[in-house]
Amino acid sequence: MTRVARIVLAVLAGAVAGSLVNMGLVNIGPFVVPLPEGAALLSSARLRTSESM
């Protein structure tokens, strides 16, 4: 395998690994820092009323 192909594969593997780590952090974020009581994200109107909490 040429050096350029190895570098391209390394960059692609890094992008995939970084995406997976980011997705994991986004998914576990609400468990680490939960939303305040009464916060509602179901509609934009309810989200606006939750902003003042």
Protein backbone atom coordinates (compact mmCIF):
# COMPACT_ATOMS: atom_id res chain seq x y z
CA MET A 1 0.00 0.00 0.00
CA THR A 2 1.39 3.36 -0.91
CA ARG A 3 2.11 6.01 1.65
CA VAL A 4 -0.64 8.31 0.33
CA ALA A 5 -3.27 5.56 0.56
CA ARG A 6 -2.26 4.83 4.16
CA ILE A 7 -2.56 8.50 5.06
CA VAL A 8 -5.98 8.77 3.41
CA LEU A 9 -7.19 5.65 5.24
CA ALA A 10 -5.82 7.00 8.53
CA VAL A 11 -7.68 10.30 8.04
CA LEU A 12 -10.92 8.49 7.19
CA ALA A 13 -10.55 6.16 10.18
CA GLY A 14 -9.92 9.17 12.43
CA ALA A 15 -13.01 10.93 11.10
CA VAL A 16 -15.16 7.85 11.72
CA ALA A 17 -13.74 7.33 15.21
CA GLY A 18 -14.21 11.02 16.06
CA SER A 19 -17.79 10.92 14.82
CA LEU A 20 -18.55 7.88 16.97
CA VAL A 21 -17.04 9.48 20.07
CA ASN A 22 -18.98 12.70 19.43
CA MET A 23 -22.23 10.78 18.96
CA GLY A 24 -21.62 8.94 22.22
CA LEU A 25 -20.97 12.17 24.11
CA VAL A 26 -24.10 13.78 22.69
CA ASN A 27 -26.18 10.76 23.69
CA ILE A 28 -24.88 10.52 27.28
CA GLY A 29 -24.85 14.30 27.84
CA PRO A 30 -28.38 14.54 29.29
CA PHE A 31 -27.55 11.80 31.80
CA VAL A 32 -24.43 13.65 32.99
CA VAL A 33 -26.03 17.12 33.08
CA PRO A 34 -29.82 16.66 33.19
CA LEU A 35 -32.26 19.29 32.03
CA PRO A 36 -33.86 21.40 34.76
CA GLU A 37 -37.20 20.26 36.20
CA GLY A 38 -40.04 21.34 33.96
CA ALA A 39 -37.92 21.90 30.87
CA ALA A 40 -39.76 20.79 27.75
CA LEU A 41 -38.13 20.32 24.35
CA LEU A 42 -41.18 19.02 22.48
CA SER A 43 -42.12 22.27 20.75
CA SER A 44 -40.52 25.63 20.18
CA ALA A 45 -43.19 27.41 22.24
CA ARG A 46 -42.60 25.18 25.26
CA LEU A 47 -38.85 25.52 24.81
CA ARG A 48 -39.15 29.31 24.93
CA THR A 49 -41.04 29.12 28.23
CA SER A 50 -38.36 26.78 29.60
CA GLU A 51 -35.54 29.22 28.74
CA SER A 52 -36.22 31.38 31.79
CA MET A 53 -35.57 28.49 34.22
